[in-house]
Protein backbone atom coordinates (compact mmCIF):
# COMPACT_ATOMS: atom_id res chain seq x y z
CA UNK A 1 -23.72 -43.57 -51.19
CA UNK A 2 -21.46 -41.31 -49.13
CA UNK A 3 -21.39 -38.70 -51.90
CA UNK A 4 -25.20 -38.64 -51.97
CA UNK A 5 -25.39 -38.07 -48.22
CA UNK A 6 -22.79 -35.32 -48.49
CA UNK A 7 -24.73 -33.62 -51.29
CA UNK A 8 -27.99 -33.79 -49.31
CA UNK A 9 -26.30 -32.32 -46.23
CA UNK A 10 -24.67 -29.56 -48.29
CA UNK A 11 -28.00 -28.71 -49.92
CA UNK A 12 -29.74 -28.65 -46.54
CA UNK A 13 -27.04 -26.34 -45.14
CA UNK A 14 -27.33 -23.95 -48.11
CA UNK A 15 -31.12 -23.88 -47.84
CA UNK A 16 -30.86 -23.24 -44.11
CA UNK A 17 -28.50 -20.31 -44.57
CA UNK A 18 -30.62 -18.93 -47.43
CA UNK A 19 -33.83 -19.13 -45.39
CA UNK A 20 -32.13 -17.49 -42.39
CA UNK A 21 -30.40 -14.73 -44.36
CA UNK A 22 -32.89 -14.29 -47.20
CA UNK A 23 -34.69 -10.97 -47.32
CA UNK A 24 -32.78 -9.41 -44.44
CA UNK A 25 -31.10 -6.77 -46.59
CA UNK A 26 -33.30 -3.85 -47.44
CA UNK A 27 -34.19 -3.39 -51.09
CA UNK A 28 -32.43 -0.57 -52.93
CA UNK A 29 -34.38 1.28 -55.57
CA UNK A 30 -32.78 2.47 -58.80
CA UNK A 31 -32.88 6.26 -58.55
CA UNK A 32 -31.20 7.20 -61.83
CA UNK A 33 -32.00 5.48 -65.10
CA UNK A 34 -29.17 3.67 -66.83
CA UNK A 35 -28.64 4.08 -70.57
CA UNK A 36 -28.08 0.73 -72.26
CA UNK A 37 -25.95 0.46 -75.40
CA UNK A 38 -27.80 -0.27 -78.62
CA UNK A 39 -27.59 -3.93 -79.55
CA UNK A 40 -27.10 -5.21 -83.08
CA UNK A 41 -29.70 -7.92 -83.38
């Protein structure tokens, strides 16, 4: 029971931080294309 309460509180704290901090950093565009190695598939 105590572990369940702890997990719910931890999840609520993470969601609170994510909703507060989410989207605050400006998006960075890729200016130069990146060459990817050929894959053997």
